[in-house]
PDB file of N, CA and C in Angstrom:
ATOM      1  N   MET A   1     -17.748  13.143 -46.319  1.00  0.00           N
ATOM      2  CA  MET A   1     -18.538  13.102 -45.195  1.00  0.00           C
ATOM      3  C   MET A   1     -17.886  13.358 -43.987  1.00  0.00           C
ATOM      4  N   HIS A   2     -18.350  14.096 -42.864  1.00  0.00           N
ATOM      5  CA  HIS A   2     -17.782  14.360 -41.683  1.00  0.00           C
ATOM      6  C   HIS A   2     -18.301  13.609 -40.610  1.00  0.00           C
ATOM      7  N   TYR A   3     -17.400  13.098 -39.761  1.00  0.00           N
ATOM      8  CA  TYR A   3     -18.026  12.420 -38.586  1.00  0.00           C
ATOM      9  C   TYR A   3     -17.462  13.145 -37.379  1.00  0.00           C
ATOM     10  N   TYR A   4     -18.392  13.413 -36.549  1.00  0.00           N
ATOM     11  CA  TYR A   4     -18.158  14.243 -35.244  1.00  0.00           C
ATOM     12  C   TYR A   4     -18.405  13.218 -34.027  1.00  0.00           C
ATOM     13  N   VAL A   5     -17.402  13.417 -33.150  1.00  0.00           N
ATOM     14  CA  VAL A   5     -17.509  12.544 -31.897  1.00  0.00           C
ATOM     15  C   VAL A   5     -17.947  13.579 -30.813  1.00  0.00           C
ATOM     16  N   TYR A   6     -18.990  13.203 -30.258  1.00  0.00           N
ATOM     17  CA  TYR A   6     -19.537  14.221 -29.154  1.00  0.00           C
ATOM     18  C   TYR A   6     -19.326  13.467 -27.774  1.00  0.00           C
ATOM     19  N   GLU A   7     -18.687  14.156 -26.897  1.00  0.00           N
ATOM     20  CA  GLU A   7     -18.487  13.603 -25.561  1.00  0.00           C
ATOM     21  C   GLU A   7     -19.525  13.984 -24.664  1.00  0.00           C
ATOM     22  N   VAL A   8     -20.115  12.923 -23.973  1.00  0.00           N
ATOM     23  CA  VAL A   8     -21.296  13.082 -23.027  1.00  0.00           C
ATOM     24  C   VAL A   8     -20.603  13.596 -21.704  1.00  0.00           C
ATOM     25  N   LYS A   9     -20.976  14.676 -21.371  1.00  0.00           N
ATOM     26  CA  LYS A   9     -20.468  15.217 -19.888  1.00  0.00           C
ATOM     27  C   LYS A   9     -21.676  14.906 -18.958  1.00  0.00           C
ATOM     28  N   VAL A  10     -21.252  14.528 -17.792  1.00  0.00           N
ATOM     29  CA  VAL A  10     -22.288  14.199 -16.631  1.00  0.00           C
ATOM     30  C   VAL A  10     -22.347  15.444 -15.803  1.00  0.00           C
ATOM     31  N   ALA A  11     -23.406  16.178 -15.728  1.00  0.00           N
ATOM     32  CA  ALA A  11     -23.566  17.462 -15.047  1.00  0.00           C
ATOM     33  C   ALA A  11     -24.730  17.359 -14.006  1.00  0.00           C
ATOM     34  N   MET A  12     -24.662  16.268 -13.193  1.00  0.00           N
ATOM     35  CA  MET A  12     -25.461  16.042 -12.218  1.00  0.00           C
ATOM     36  C   MET A  12     -24.736  16.337 -10.864  1.00  0.00           C
ATOM     37  N   LYS A  13     -25.449  17.099 -10.022  1.00  0.00           N
ATOM     38  CA  LYS A  13     -24.866  17.373  -8.719  1.00  0.00           C
ATOM     39  C   LYS A  13     -24.778  16.087  -7.878  1.00  0.00           C
ATOM     40  N   GLY A  14     -23.544  16.090  -7.362  1.00  0.00           N
ATOM     41  CA  GLY A  14     -23.049  15.021  -6.514  1.00  0.00           C
ATOM     42  C   GLY A  14     -22.507  13.763  -7.307  1.00  0.00           C
ATOM     43  N   TYR A  15     -22.534  13.869  -8.521  1.00  0.00           N
ATOM     44  CA  TYR A  15     -21.935  12.827  -9.426  1.00  0.00           C
ATOM     45  C   TYR A  15     -20.724  13.284 -10.148  1.00  0.00           C
ATOM     46  N   VAL A  16     -19.846  12.380 -10.407  1.00  0.00           N
ATOM     47  CA  VAL A  16     -18.527  12.705 -11.424  1.00  0.00           C
ATOM     48  C   VAL A  16     -18.367  11.742 -12.416  1.00  0.00           C
ATOM     49  N   THR A  17     -17.665  11.915 -13.320  1.00  0.00           N
ATOM     50  CA  THR A  17     -17.426  10.978 -14.398  1.00  0.00           C
ATOM     51  C   THR A  17     -16.344   9.859 -14.030  1.00  0.00           C
ATOM     52  N   ALA A  18     -16.319   8.869 -14.846  1.00  0.00           N
ATOM     53  CA  ALA A  18     -15.232   7.807 -14.627  1.00  0.00           C
ATOM     54  C   ALA A  18     -13.842   8.380 -14.732  1.00  0.00           C
ATOM     55  N   GLU A  19     -13.715   9.402 -15.687  1.00  0.00           N
ATOM     56  CA  GLU A  19     -12.412  10.132 -15.785  1.00  0.00           C
ATOM     57  C   GLU A  19     -11.982  10.723 -14.484  1.00  0.00           C
ATOM     58  N   LYS A  20     -12.950  11.400 -13.929  1.00  0.00           N
ATOM     59  CA  LYS A  20     -12.589  12.099 -12.580  1.00  0.00           C
ATOM     60  C   LYS A  20     -12.120  11.176 -11.450  1.00  0.00           C
ATOM     61  N   MET A  21     -13.025   9.975 -11.513  1.00  0.00           N
ATOM     62  CA  MET A  21     -12.789   9.029 -10.319  1.00  0.00           C
ATOM     63  C   MET A  21     -11.511   8.254 -10.725  1.00  0.00           C
ATOM     64  N   ALA A  22     -11.115   7.991 -11.795  1.00  0.00           N
ATOM     65  CA  ALA A  22      -9.792   7.559 -12.095  1.00  0.00           C
ATOM     66  C   ALA A  22      -8.670   8.334 -11.692  1.00  0.00           C
ATOM     67  N   GLU A  23      -8.792   9.616 -11.901  1.00  0.00           N
ATOM     68  CA  GLU A  23      -7.686  10.500 -11.313  1.00  0.00           C
ATOM     69  C   GLU A  23      -7.626  10.502  -9.712  1.00  0.00           C
ATOM     70  N   ARG A  24      -8.744  10.461  -9.095  1.00  0.00           N
ATOM     71  CA  ARG A  24      -8.934  10.291  -7.607  1.00  0.00           C
ATOM     72  C   ARG A  24      -8.216   9.015  -7.153  1.00  0.00           C
ATOM     73  N   TRP A  25      -8.559   7.912  -7.831  1.00  0.00           N
ATOM     74  CA  TRP A  25      -7.988   6.662  -7.405  1.00  0.00           C
ATOM     75  C   TRP A  25      -6.724   6.261  -7.819  1.00  0.00           C
ATOM     76  N   ASN A  26      -6.246   6.954  -8.720  1.00  0.00           N
ATOM     77  CA  ASN A  26      -4.837   6.681  -9.380  1.00  0.00           C
ATOM     78  C   ASN A  26      -5.011   5.367 -10.121  1.00  0.00           C
ATOM     79  N   VAL A  27      -6.105   5.089 -10.992  1.00  0.00           N
ATOM     80  CA  VAL A  27      -6.259   3.949 -11.688  1.00  0.00           C
ATOM     81  C   VAL A  27      -6.591   4.352 -13.170  1.00  0.00           C
ATOM     82  N   SER A  28      -6.806   3.494 -14.124  1.00  0.00           N
ATOM     83  CA  SER A  28      -6.948   3.877 -15.466  1.00  0.00           C
ATOM     84  C   SER A  28      -8.445   4.093 -15.582  1.00  0.00           C
ATOM     85  N   VAL A  29      -8.934   4.912 -16.602  1.00  0.00           N
ATOM     86  CA  VAL A  29     -10.430   5.073 -16.879  1.00  0.00           C
ATOM     87  C   VAL A  29     -11.012   3.782 -17.122  1.00  0.00           C
ATOM     88  N   ARG A  30     -10.542   2.915 -17.913  1.00  0.00           N
ATOM     89  CA  ARG A  30     -10.912   1.673 -18.199  1.00  0.00           C
ATOM     90  C   ARG A  30     -11.270   0.813 -17.084  1.00  0.00           C
ATOM     91  N   GLN A  31     -10.375   0.894 -15.938  1.00  0.00           N
ATOM     92  CA  GLN A  31     -10.554   0.183 -14.800  1.00  0.00           C
ATOM     93  C   GLN A  31     -11.872   0.590 -14.042  1.00  0.00           C
ATOM     94  N   VAL A  32     -12.040   1.773 -13.962  1.00  0.00           N
ATOM     95  CA  VAL A  32     -13.115   2.433 -13.329  1.00  0.00           C
ATOM     96  C   VAL A  32     -14.561   2.031 -14.202  1.00  0.00           C
ATOM     97  N   GLN A  33     -14.370   2.074 -15.503  1.00  0.00           N
ATOM     98  CA  GLN A  33     -15.476   1.781 -16.348  1.00  0.00           C
ATOM     99  C   GLN A  33     -15.912   0.259 -16.019  1.00  0.00           C
ATOM    100  N   LEU A  34     -14.772  -0.633 -15.904  1.00  0.00           N
ATOM    101  CA  LEU A  34     -15.033  -2.109 -15.660  1.00  0.00           C
ATOM    102  C   LEU A  34     -15.807  -2.406 -14.202  1.00  0.00           C
ATOM    103  N   LEU A  35     -15.244  -1.501 -13.307  1.00  0.00           N
ATOM    104  CA  LEU A  35     -15.806  -1.637 -11.984  1.00  0.00           C
ATOM    105  C   LEU A  35     -17.282  -1.315 -12.081  1.00  0.00           C
ATOM    106  N   CYS A  36     -17.685  -0.159 -12.739  1.00  0.00           N
ATOM    107  CA  CYS A  36     -18.993   0.184 -12.862  1.00  0.00           C
ATOM    108  C   CYS A  36     -19.805  -0.957 -13.575  1.00  0.00           C
ATOM    109  N   GLN A  37     -19.317  -1.429 -14.770  1.00  0.00           N
ATOM    110  CA  GLN A  37     -19.857  -2.520 -15.575  1.00  0.00           C
ATOM    111  C   GLN A  37     -20.139  -3.732 -14.775  1.00  0.00           C
ATOM    112  N   ASN A  38     -19.299  -4.073 -13.865  1.00  0.00           N
ATOM    113  CA  ASN A  38     -19.405  -5.331 -13.150  1.00  0.00           C
ATOM    114  C   ASN A  38     -20.132  -5.249 -11.819  1.00  0.00           C
ATOM    115  N   GLY A  39     -20.686  -4.055 -11.598  1.00  0.00           N
ATOM    116  CA  GLY A  39     -21.374  -3.833 -10.324  1.00  0.00           C
ATOM    117  C   GLY A  39     -20.615  -3.732  -9.120  1.00  0.00           C
ATOM    118  N   LYS A  40     -19.197  -3.306  -9.193  1.00  0.00           N
ATOM    119  CA  LYS A  40     -18.440  -3.214  -8.033  1.00  0.00           C
ATOM    120  C   LYS A  40     -18.449  -1.805  -7.395  1.00  0.00           C
ATOM    121  N   ILE A  41     -19.395  -0.967  -8.035  1.00  0.00           N
ATOM    122  CA  ILE A  41     -19.601   0.376  -7.452  1.00  0.00           C
ATOM    123  C   ILE A  41     -20.981   0.581  -7.356  1.00  0.00           C
ATOM    124  N   ASP A  42     -21.508   0.942  -6.161  1.00  0.00           N
ATOM    125  CA  ASP A  42     -22.937   1.122  -5.994  1.00  0.00           C
ATOM    126  C   ASP A  42     -23.425   2.507  -6.470  1.00  0.00           C
ATOM    127  N   ASN A  43     -24.805   2.458  -6.800  1.00  0.00           N
ATOM    128  CA  ASN A  43     -25.372   3.640  -7.200  1.00  0.00           C
ATOM    129  C   ASN A  43     -24.896   4.372  -8.521  1.00  0.00           C
ATOM    130  N   VAL A  44     -24.349   3.646  -9.267  1.00  0.00           N
ATOM    131  CA  VAL A  44     -23.876   4.370 -10.685  1.00  0.00           C
ATOM    132  C   VAL A  44     -24.985   4.250 -11.705  1.00  0.00           C
ATOM    133  N   THR A  45     -24.979   5.342 -12.531  1.00  0.00           N
ATOM    134  CA  THR A  45     -25.937   5.631 -13.704  1.00  0.00           C
ATOM    135  C   THR A  45     -25.006   5.592 -14.863  1.00  0.00           C
ATOM    136  N   ARG A  46     -25.703   5.086 -16.058  1.00  0.00           N
ATOM    137  CA  ARG A  46     -25.091   5.277 -17.233  1.00  0.00           C
ATOM    138  C   ARG A  46     -25.824   6.159 -18.296  1.00  0.00           C
ATOM    139  N   PHE A  47     -25.282   7.199 -18.831  1.00  0.00           N
ATOM    140  CA  PHE A  47     -25.795   8.047 -19.711  1.00  0.00           C
ATOM    141  C   PHE A  47     -25.116   7.888 -21.039  1.00  0.00           C
ATOM    142  N   GLY A  48     -25.810   7.260 -21.992  1.00  0.00           N
ATOM    143  CA  GLY A  48     -24.968   7.087 -23.149  1.00  0.00           C
ATOM    144  C   GLY A  48     -23.749   6.163 -22.976  1.00  0.00           C
ATOM    145  N   ASN A  49     -22.630   6.735 -23.315  1.00  0.00           N
ATOM    146  CA  ASN A  49     -21.324   6.195 -22.990  1.00  0.00           C
ATOM    147  C   ASN A  49     -20.664   6.589 -21.694  1.00  0.00           C
ATOM    148  N   ALA A  50     -21.280   7.517 -20.903  1.00  0.00           N
ATOM    149  CA  ALA A  50     -20.523   7.968 -19.750  1.00  0.00           C
ATOM    150  C   ALA A  50     -21.282   7.337 -18.555  1.00  0.00           C
ATOM    151  N   TRP A  51     -20.420   7.181 -17.471  1.00  0.00           N
ATOM    152  CA  TRP A  51     -20.965   6.637 -16.274  1.00  0.00           C
ATOM    153  C   TRP A  51     -20.895   7.910 -15.210  1.00  0.00           C
ATOM    154  N   ALA A  52     -22.011   7.918 -14.444  1.00  0.00           N
ATOM    155  CA  ALA A  52     -22.348   8.804 -13.449  1.00  0.00           C
ATOM    156  C   ALA A  52     -21.948   8.236 -12.091  1.00  0.00           C
ATOM    157  N   ILE A  53     -20.932   8.510 -11.405  1.00  0.00           N
ATOM    158  CA  ILE A  53     -20.596   7.932 -10.175  1.00  0.00           C
ATOM    159  C   ILE A  53     -20.709   8.943  -8.921  1.00  0.00           C
ATOM    160  N   PRO A  54     -21.366   8.433  -7.841  1.00  0.00           N
ATOM    161  CA  PRO A  54     -21.461   9.455  -6.715  1.00  0.00           C
ATOM    162  C   PRO A  54     -20.062   9.900  -6.249  1.00  0.00           C
ATOM    163  N   GLU A  55     -20.043  11.004  -5.918  1.00  0.00           N
ATOM    164  CA  GLU A  55     -18.725  11.783  -5.583  1.00  0.00           C
ATOM    165  C   GLU A  55     -18.062  11.099  -4.351  1.00  0.00           C
ATOM    166  N   ASP A  56     -18.923  10.666  -3.423  1.00  0.00           N
ATOM    167  CA  ASP A  56     -18.423  10.199  -2.176  1.00  0.00           C
ATOM    168  C   ASP A  56     -17.960   8.825  -2.224  1.00  0.00           C
ATOM    169  N   THR A  57     -18.023   8.104  -3.321  1.00  0.00           N
ATOM    170  CA  THR A  57     -17.751   6.616  -3.422  1.00  0.00           C
ATOM    171  C   THR A  57     -16.322   6.410  -3.099  1.00  0.00           C
ATOM    172  N   LEU A  58     -16.108   5.366  -2.287  1.00  0.00           N
ATOM    173  CA  LEU A  58     -14.658   4.914  -1.961  1.00  0.00           C
ATOM    174  C   LEU A  58     -14.253   3.931  -2.972  1.00  0.00           C
ATOM    175  N   LYS A  59     -12.957   3.717  -3.329  1.00  0.00           N
ATOM    176  CA  LYS A  59     -12.520   2.818  -4.164  1.00  0.00           C
ATOM    177  C   LYS A  59     -12.773   1.395  -3.635  1.00  0.00           C
ATOM    178  N   PRO A  60     -13.395   0.430  -4.467  1.00  0.00           N
ATOM    179  CA  PRO A  60     -13.589  -0.867  -3.959  1.00  0.00           C
ATOM    180  C   PRO A  60     -12.203  -1.625  -3.726  1.00  0.00           C
ATOM    181  N   THR A  61     -12.343  -2.611  -2.859  1.00  0.00           N
ATOM    182  CA  THR A  61     -11.235  -3.348  -2.447  1.00  0.00           C
ATOM    183  C   THR A  61     -11.277  -4.525  -3.127  1.00  0.00           C
ATOM    184  N   ARG A  62     -10.036  -5.256  -3.404  1.00  0.00           N
ATOM    185  CA  ARG A  62     -10.066  -6.687  -3.877  1.00  0.00           C
ATOM    186  C   ARG A  62     -10.461  -7.513  -2.895  1.00  0.00           C
ATOM    187  N   THR A  63     -11.342  -8.532  -3.450  1.00  0.00           N
ATOM    188  CA  THR A  63     -11.732  -9.529  -2.369  1.00  0.00           C
ATOM    189  C   THR A  63     -11.580 -10.959  -2.979  1.00  0.00           C
ATOM    190  N   GLY A  64     -10.996 -11.105  -4.038  1.00  0.00           N
ATOM    191  CA  GLY A  64     -10.731 -12.219  -4.824  1.00  0.00           C
ATOM    192  C   GLY A  64      -9.588 -13.244  -4.238  1.00  0.00           C
ATOM    193  N   LYS A  65      -9.629 -14.320  -4.570  1.00  0.00           N
ATOM    194  CA  LYS A  65      -8.663 -15.205  -4.017  1.00  0.00           C
ATOM    195  C   LYS A  65      -7.480 -15.214  -4.900  1.00  0.00           C
ATOM    196  N   LEU A  66      -6.310 -15.436  -4.317  1.00  0.00           N
ATOM    197  CA  LEU A  66      -5.029 -15.428  -5.171  1.00  0.00           C
ATOM    198  C   LEU A  66      -5.091 -16.771  -5.964  1.00  0.00           C
ATOM    199  N   LYS A  67      -4.420 -16.604  -7.199  1.00  0.00           N
ATOM    200  CA  LYS A  67      -4.156 -17.863  -7.837  1.00  0.00           C
ATOM    201  C   LYS A  67      -3.023 -18.694  -7.131  1.00  0.00           C
ATOM    202  N   PRO A  68      -3.269 -20.050  -7.386  1.00  0.00           N
ATOM    203  CA  PRO A  68      -2.276 -20.934  -6.803  1.00  0.00           C
ATOM    204  C   PRO A  68      -0.781 -20.557  -7.270  1.00  0.00           C
ATOM    205  N   GLY A  69       0.032 -20.557  -6.140  1.00  0.00           N
ATOM    206  CA  GLY A  69       1.392 -20.203  -6.545  1.00  0.00           C
ATOM    207  C   GLY A  69       1.749 -18.687  -6.461  1.00  0.00           C
ATOM    208  N   CYS A  70       0.799 -17.857  -6.323  1.00  0.00           N
ATOM    209  CA  CYS A  70       0.801 -16.422  -6.069  1.00  0.00           C
ATOM    210  C   CYS A  70       1.310 -16.028  -4.724  1.00  0.00           C
ATOM    211  N   LYS A  71       2.223 -15.023  -4.497  1.00  0.00           N
ATOM    212  CA  LYS A  71       2.396 -14.615  -3.136  1.00  0.00           C
ATOM    213  C   LYS A  71       2.123 -13.175  -3.100  1.00  0.00           C
ATOM    214  N   THR A  72       1.769 -12.732  -1.867  1.00  0.00           N
ATOM    215  CA  THR A  72       1.515 -11.280  -1.639  1.00  0.00           C
ATOM    216  C   THR A  72       2.746 -10.657  -1.309  1.00  0.00           C
ATOM    217  N   LYS A  73       2.825  -9.352  -1.577  1.00  0.00           N
ATOM    218  CA  LYS A  73       4.076  -8.540  -1.209  1.00  0.00           C
ATOM    219  C   LYS A  73       3.966  -8.338   0.431  1.00  0.00           C
ATOM    220  N   GLY A  74       5.102  -8.280   0.898  1.00  0.00           N
ATOM    221  CA  GLY A  74       5.091  -8.024   2.467  1.00  0.00           C
ATOM    222  C   GLY A  74       5.708  -9.133   3.388  1.00  0.00           C
TER     223      GLY A  74
END
């Protein structure tokens, strides 16, 4: 029995995949997927197992509080 994995390509004008956005933002693909899943990126659409993200989307900034005892760099 043969199993084939088909990769879903997003071919919508004005949208890119999580892979392309991960390259632009210099983060992992999984991080982009989690941002989409958790609603941190606006106007995303999911097609099967692929995310369609608007091309002009800026990388979300972290707005969470630091854990007690953590210090920021600088």
